C-alpha atoms as a PDB file:
ATOM      1  CA  MET A   1      64.838  62.686  91.374  1.00  0.00           C
ATOM      2  CA  SER A   2      67.156  63.244  88.373  1.00  0.00           C
ATOM      3  CA  THR A   3      71.009  62.518  88.498  1.00  0.00           C
ATOM      4  CA  THR A   4      71.447  66.255  87.957  1.00  0.00           C
ATOM      5  CA  LYS A   5      69.705  67.049  90.936  1.00  0.00           C
ATOM      6  CA  LEU A   6      72.053  64.586  92.987  1.00  0.00           C
ATOM      7  CA  VAL A   7      75.452  65.429  91.688  1.00  0.00           C
ATOM      8  CA  LEU A   8      74.981  69.433  91.436  1.00  0.00           C
ATOM      9  CA  PRO A   9      74.992  69.459  95.560  1.00  0.00           C
ATOM     10  CA  GLY A  10      77.784  66.837  95.763  1.00  0.00           C
ATOM     11  CA  LEU A  11      79.882  69.092  93.561  1.00  0.00           C
ATOM     12  CA  LEU A  12      79.039  72.281  95.371  1.00  0.00           C
ATOM     13  CA  LEU A  13      80.022  70.687  98.740  1.00  0.00           C
ATOM     14  CA  LEU A  14      83.274  69.178  96.704  1.00  0.00           C
ATOM     15  CA  ALA A  15      83.830  72.998  95.455  1.00  0.00           C
ATOM     16  CA  GLY A  16      83.643  74.354  98.732  1.00  0.00           C
ATOM     17  CA  LEU A  17      85.949  71.928 100.407  1.00  0.00           C
ATOM     18  CA  MET A  18      88.528  72.645  97.916  1.00  0.00           C
ATOM     19  CA  LEU A  19      88.368  76.479  98.477  1.00  0.00           C
ATOM     20  CA  PHE A  20      88.402  75.575 102.143  1.00  0.00           C
ATOM     21  CA  GLN A  21      91.606  73.709 101.945  1.00  0.00           C
ATOM     22  CA  ALA A  22      92.920  76.306  99.518  1.00  0.00           C
ATOM     23  CA  LEU A  23      92.783  79.170 102.281  1.00  0.00           C
ATOM     24  CA  LEU A  24      94.347  76.848 105.064  1.00  0.00           C
ATOM     25  CA  PHE A  25      96.873  76.043 102.753  1.00  0.00           C
ATOM     26  CA  ASP A  26      97.366  79.849 102.082  1.00  0.00           C
ATOM     27  CA  ARG A  27      97.346  80.869 105.852  1.00  0.00           C
ATOM     28  CA  HIS A  28     100.054  77.913 106.660  1.00  0.00           C
ATOM     29  CA  LEU A  29     102.252  78.927 103.757  1.00  0.00           C
ATOM     30  CA  GLU A  30     102.186  82.809 105.099  1.00  0.00           C
ATOM     31  CA  SER A  31     103.174  81.528 108.254  1.00  0.00           C
ATOM     32  CA  VAL A  32     106.144  79.466 107.194  1.00  0.00           C
ATOM     33  CA  VAL A  33     107.436  82.185 104.852  1.00  0.00           C
ATOM     34  CA  LYS A  34     107.097  84.552 108.207  1.00  0.00           C
ATOM     35  CA  GLN A  35     109.180  82.228 110.080  1.00  0.00           C
ATOM     36  CA  MET A  36     112.013  81.493 107.471  1.00  0.00           C
ATOM     37  CA  PRO A  37     115.555  82.807 108.352  1.00  0.00           C
ATOM     38  CA  ASP A  38     116.615  86.043 106.733  1.00  0.00           C
ATOM     39  CA  ARG A  39     120.580  84.607 106.590  1.00  0.00           C
ATOM     40  CA  ALA A  40     122.332  81.406 105.707  1.00  0.00           C
ATOM     41  CA  PRO A  41     122.852  79.376 108.731  1.00  0.00           C
ATOM     42  CA  THR A  42     126.384  79.551 108.161  1.00  0.00           C
ATOM     43  CA  ALA A  43     126.661  83.261 107.868  1.00  0.00           C
ATOM     44  CA  PRO A  44     128.676  85.210 110.711  1.00  0.00           C
ATOM     45  CA  PRO A  45     126.773  87.032 113.088  1.00  0.00           C
ATOM     46  CA  LEU A  46     125.897  90.914 112.596  1.00  0.00           C
ATOM     47  CA  ARG A  47     127.879  93.556 114.352  1.00  0.00           C
ATOM     48  CA  THR A  48     125.354  96.281 114.959  1.00  0.00           C
ATOM     49  CA  LEU A  49     126.620  99.948 115.466  1.00  0.00           C
ATOM     50  CA  THR A  50     125.879 101.200 119.012  1.00  0.00           C
ATOM     51  CA  ALA A  51     126.104 104.851 118.384  1.00  0.00           C
ATOM     52  CA  LEU A  52     126.072 107.108 115.392  1.00  0.00           C
ATOM     53  CA  PRO A  53     129.172 109.033 114.463  1.00  0.00           C
ATOM     54  CA  GLU A  54     129.613 112.780 114.644  1.00  0.00           C
ATOM     55  CA  ARG A  55     130.469 112.891 111.069  1.00  0.00           C
ATOM     56  CA  MET A  56     130.113 110.867 107.980  1.00  0.00           C
ATOM     57  CA  ALA A  57     131.849 111.248 104.664  1.00  0.00           C
ATOM     58  CA  ILE A  58     129.324 109.984 102.389  1.00  0.00           C
ATOM     59  CA  ASN A  59     125.954 108.464 102.379  1.00  0.00           C
ATOM     60  CA  GLN A  60     124.499 106.620  99.367  1.00  0.00           C
ATOM     61  CA  THR A  61     121.342 104.444  98.547  1.00  0.00           C
ATOM     62  CA  VAL A  62     121.609 101.592  96.387  1.00  0.00           C
ATOM     63  CA  TYR A  63     118.700  99.921  94.215  1.00  0.00           C
ATOM     64  CA  VAL A  64     119.211  96.137  93.674  1.00  0.00           C
ATOM     65  CA  PRO A  65     116.226  94.170  91.515  1.00  0.00           C
ATOM     66  CA  VAL A  66     115.657  90.707  92.202  1.00  0.00           C
ATOM     67  CA  TYR A  67     113.102  88.354  90.903  1.00  0.00           C
ATOM     68  CA  SER A  68     110.995  85.818  93.530  1.00  0.00           C
ATOM     69  CA  HIS A  69     110.229  83.918  90.382  1.00  0.00           C
ATOM     70  CA  VAL A  70     110.465  83.868  86.597  1.00  0.00           C
ATOM     71  CA  TYR A  71     108.135  82.588  84.158  1.00  0.00           C
ATOM     72  CA  GLY A  72     109.173  79.110  82.129  1.00  0.00           C
ATOM     73  CA  SER A  73     107.481  77.098  79.750  1.00  0.00           C
ATOM     74  CA  LYS A  74     103.555  78.521  78.982  1.00  0.00           C
ATOM     75  CA  GLY A  75     103.918  80.990  81.437  1.00  0.00           C
ATOM     76  CA  ARG A  76     104.578  78.266  84.459  1.00  0.00           C
ATOM     77  CA  GLU A  77     106.325  80.106  87.515  1.00  0.00           C
ATOM     78  CA  GLN A  78     109.708  79.056  88.335  1.00  0.00           C
ATOM     79  CA  PRO A  79     110.471  80.011  91.979  1.00  0.00           C
ATOM     80  CA  LEU A  80     113.848  81.303  92.796  1.00  0.00           C
ATOM     81  CA  GLU A  81     116.189  81.694  95.873  1.00  0.00           C
ATOM     82  CA  THR A  82     117.559  85.051  96.418  1.00  0.00           C
ATOM     83  CA  THR A  83     120.706  86.083  98.118  1.00  0.00           C
ATOM     84  CA  LEU A  84     121.858  89.410  98.584  1.00  0.00           C
ATOM     85  CA  SER A  85     125.345  90.152  99.144  1.00  0.00           C
ATOM     86  CA  ILE A  86     127.035  93.255 100.333  1.00  0.00           C
ATOM     87  CA  ARG A  87     130.742  93.347  99.933  1.00  0.00           C
ATOM     88  CA  ASN A  88     133.042  96.194 101.537  1.00  0.00           C
ATOM     89  CA  THR A  89     135.676  96.695  99.069  1.00  0.00           C
ATOM     90  CA  ASP A  90     137.758  99.325 101.246  1.00  0.00           C
ATOM     91  CA  SER A  91     141.069  97.956 102.457  1.00  0.00           C
ATOM     92  CA  THR A  92     141.095 100.435 105.494  1.00  0.00           C
ATOM     93  CA  HIS A  93     137.968 101.364 106.414  1.00  0.00           C
ATOM     94  CA  ALA A  94     134.705 100.351 107.658  1.00  0.00           C
ATOM     95  CA  ILE A  95     131.035 101.131 106.204  1.00  0.00           C
ATOM     96  CA  VAL A  96     127.778 101.083 107.898  1.00  0.00           C
ATOM     97  CA  VAL A  97     124.932  99.541 106.505  1.00  0.00           C
ATOM     98  CA  LYS A  98     121.737 101.459 107.512  1.00  0.00           C
ATOM     99  CA  SER A  99     119.033  99.499 106.324  1.00  0.00           C
ATOM    100  CA  ILE A 100     117.819  96.777 103.875  1.00  0.00           C
ATOM    101  CA  ARG A 101     114.362  97.062 102.677  1.00  0.00           C
ATOM    102  CA  TYR A 102     112.802  94.566 100.549  1.00  0.00           C
ATOM    103  CA  TYR A 103     109.875  95.548  98.170  1.00  0.00           C
ATOM    104  CA  GLY A 104     107.259  93.761  96.220  1.00  0.00           C
ATOM    105  CA  ASN A 105     106.375  93.989  92.710  1.00  0.00           C
ATOM    106  CA  GLU A 106     103.760  96.940  93.268  1.00  0.00           C
ATOM    107  CA  GLY A 107     106.001  98.987  95.483  1.00  0.00           C
ATOM    108  CA  LYS A 108     104.867  97.653  98.917  1.00  0.00           C
ATOM    109  CA  LEU A 109     107.343  97.151 101.663  1.00  0.00           C
ATOM    110  CA  LEU A 110     107.577  93.504 102.505  1.00  0.00           C
ATOM    111  CA  ARG A 111     110.021  93.474 104.678  1.00  0.00           C
ATOM    112  CA  GLU A 112     112.846  95.276 106.721  1.00  0.00           C
ATOM    113  CA  TYR A 113     115.815  93.038 107.141  1.00  0.00           C
ATOM    114  CA  LEU A 114     118.040  95.335 109.935  1.00  0.00           C
ATOM    115  CA  GLU A 115     116.668  96.305 113.467  1.00  0.00           C
ATOM    116  CA  ALA A 116     120.064  98.477 113.780  1.00  0.00           C
ATOM    117  CA  PRO A 117     122.628  99.726 111.377  1.00  0.00           C
ATOM    118  CA  VAL A 118     125.246  97.016 110.752  1.00  0.00           C
ATOM    119  CA  ILE A 119     129.175  97.300 110.432  1.00  0.00           C
ATOM    120  CA  LEU A 120     131.156  96.015 107.790  1.00  0.00           C
ATOM    121  CA  ASP A 121     134.920  95.993 108.389  1.00  0.00           C
ATOM    122  CA  SER A 122     137.416  96.715 105.714  1.00  0.00           C
ATOM    123  CA  LEU A 123     137.051  93.621 103.042  1.00  0.00           C
ATOM    124  CA  ALA A 124     133.987  92.176 104.779  1.00  0.00           C
ATOM    125  CA  SER A 125     130.802  91.067 103.456  1.00  0.00           C
ATOM    126  CA  THR A 126     127.495  89.905 104.463  1.00  0.00           C
ATOM    127  CA  ASP A 127     124.451  88.366 102.883  1.00  0.00           C
ATOM    128  CA  PHE A 128     120.913  88.093 103.313  1.00  0.00           C
ATOM    129  CA  LEU A 129     118.212  85.448 101.790  1.00  0.00           C
ATOM    130  CA  VAL A 130     114.809  85.551 100.370  1.00  0.00           C
ATOM    131  CA  GLN A 131     113.706  81.895 100.481  1.00  0.00           C
ATOM    132  CA  ARG A 132     112.843  79.944  97.525  1.00  0.00           C
ATOM    133  CA  TYR A 133     108.934  79.654  98.517  1.00  0.00           C
ATOM    134  CA  ASP A 134     108.831  83.717  99.598  1.00  0.00           C
ATOM    135  CA  MET A 135     107.331  84.361  96.197  1.00  0.00           C
ATOM    136  CA  LYS A 136     105.375  87.598  97.253  1.00  0.00           C
ATOM    137  CA  GLY A 137     108.011  89.817  95.742  1.00  0.00           C
ATOM    138  CA  GLY A 138     107.349  88.962  92.262  1.00  0.00           C
ATOM    139  CA  VAL A 139     109.121  89.433  89.053  1.00  0.00           C
ATOM    140  CA  GLY A 140     109.265  93.272  90.140  1.00  0.00           C
ATOM    141  CA  ALA A 141     110.728  92.732  93.594  1.00  0.00           C
ATOM    142  CA  ASN A 142     113.970  95.084  94.656  1.00  0.00           C
ATOM    143  CA  PHE A 143     115.920  95.882  97.761  1.00  0.00           C
ATOM    144  CA  LEU A 144     116.802  99.156  98.700  1.00  0.00           C
ATOM    145  CA  ILE A 145     120.121  99.426 100.779  1.00  0.00           C
ATOM    146  CA  ASP A 146     121.172 102.441 102.738  1.00  0.00           C
ATOM    147  CA  TRP A 147     125.046 102.741 103.467  1.00  0.00           C
ATOM    148  CA  PHE A 148     127.582 105.216 104.809  1.00  0.00           C
ATOM    149  CA  ALA A 149     130.989 105.595 106.031  1.00  0.00           C
ATOM    150  CA  GLU A 150     132.969 108.208 108.056  1.00  0.00           C
ATOM    151  CA  GLU A 151     135.888 108.398 105.710  1.00  0.00           C
ATOM    152  CA  ALA A 152     136.012 108.279 102.102  1.00  0.00           C
ATOM    153  CA  VAL A 153     135.741 104.885 100.786  1.00  0.00           C
ATOM    154  CA  THR A 154     135.680 102.609  97.572  1.00  0.00           C
ATOM    155  CA  THR A 155     132.219 101.989  96.748  1.00  0.00           C
ATOM    156  CA  PRO A 156     130.889  98.604  98.224  1.00  0.00           C
ATOM    157  CA  VAL A 157     129.720  95.770  95.815  1.00  0.00           C
ATOM    158  CA  ILE A 158     126.173  95.065  96.182  1.00  0.00           C
ATOM    159  CA  GLU A 159     124.520  92.631  94.159  1.00  0.00           C
ATOM    160  CA  ALA A 160     121.785  89.761  94.177  1.00  0.00           C
ATOM    161  CA  ILE A 161     122.198  86.045  92.807  1.00  0.00           C
ATOM    162  CA  MET A 162     118.841  84.112  91.871  1.00  0.00           C
ATOM    163  CA  VAL A 163     119.315  80.274  91.945  1.00  0.00           C
ATOM    164  CA  SER A 164     116.414  77.894  90.842  1.00  0.00           C
ATOM    165  CA  TYR A 165     116.633  74.119  91.109  1.00  0.00           C
ATOM    166  CA  GLU A 166     114.503  71.337  89.963  1.00  0.00           C
ATOM    167  CA  GLY A 167     115.375  67.616  89.943  1.00  0.00           C
ATOM    168  CA  ASN A 168     118.792  67.625  87.987  1.00  0.00           C
ATOM    169  CA  LYS A 169     118.375  71.040  86.466  1.00  0.00           C
ATOM    170  CA  ALA A 170     119.407  74.453  87.565  1.00  0.00           C
ATOM    171  CA  PHE A 171     120.473  77.791  86.686  1.00  0.00           C
ATOM    172  CA  ALA A 172     121.646  80.938  88.420  1.00  0.00           C
ATOM    173  CA  PHE A 173     122.085  84.594  87.335  1.00  0.00           C
ATOM    174  CA  ALA A 174     123.347  87.786  89.343  1.00  0.00           C
ATOM    175  CA  ARG A 175     121.902  91.489  89.418  1.00  0.00           C
ATOM    176  CA  PRO A 176     123.960  94.435  90.355  1.00  0.00           C
ATOM    177  CA  GLY A 177     123.046  97.363  92.387  1.00  0.00           C
ATOM    178  CA  TYR A 178     122.448 100.645  91.016  1.00  0.00           C
ATOM    179  CA  PRO A 179     123.320 103.511  93.239  1.00  0.00           C
ATOM    180  CA  LEU A 180     120.640 106.323  93.447  1.00  0.00           C
ATOM    181  CA  GLY A 181     122.837 109.016  94.223  1.00  0.00           C
ATOM    182  CA  SER A 182     125.844 109.766  96.620  1.00  0.00           C
ATOM    183  CA  PHE A 183     125.748 112.616  98.999  1.00  0.00           C
ATOM    184  CA  LEU A 184     128.975 113.957 100.252  1.00  0.00           C
ATOM    185  CA  VAL A 185     128.956 115.135 103.897  1.00  0.00           C
ATOM    186  CA  GLU A 186     131.125 117.773 104.478  1.00  0.00           C
ATOM    187  CA  GLU A 187     129.975 119.058 107.756  1.00  0.00           C
ATOM    188  CA  PRO A 188     129.643 117.286 111.115  1.00  0.00           C
ATOM    189  CA  TRP A 189     126.411 115.009 110.923  1.00  0.00           C
ATOM    190  CA  ARG A 190     124.033 114.622 113.838  1.00  0.00           C
ATOM    191  CA  PRO A 191     120.840 112.547 114.465  1.00  0.00           C
ATOM    192  CA  GLY A 192     117.806 114.199 113.047  1.00  0.00           C
ATOM    193  CA  SER A 193     120.097 115.695 110.210  1.00  0.00           C
ATOM    194  CA  THR A 194     117.804 115.602 106.735  1.00  0.00           C
ATOM    195  CA  LYS A 195     120.976 114.483 105.063  1.00  0.00           C
ATOM    196  CA  LEU A 196     120.465 110.941 106.158  1.00  0.00           C
ATOM    197  CA  ASP A 197     116.681 110.968 106.277  1.00  0.00           C
ATOM    198  CA  ASP A 198     114.883 108.372 104.333  1.00  0.00           C
END
């Protein structure tokens, strides 16, 4: 029996084992990503809206570009940790964050961060995380944030900060949100109104 005939089955077996281990690792990584917290451990608790208001002064959707990773030397993927920051800049009135949706590079909805609308009091802020090793979003990931207010308010600041670190090297950059339109609501709004439909 030739050496080739002995070596080939061994190589095929080794390749099969490596593929099996890779599949197991992918499943383990996916389960770990699902269990990752979507907020920092020190973040204050969210205050949810218990009832929708009868009237709204403004409703807006904001697009925020983010990156789950960027490419470094020779196309090497460099994972990033993302913080989405939402700041109510109005000194008098609260705003309500209706929804926070995270989309991937191909436009697929990956995560909905809110189960119910959240109230941000005057000059209050909140933040949400995309963990460093959650790289499903890709370089074309984005957030869509829907918010509204019962009174005329100053525009909130919505931005994403990406951070990378490896050994003693680190870098960070921020991207602002881009409003996709503002809708002034002049008449009373009630649940089911098309003015606030997605």
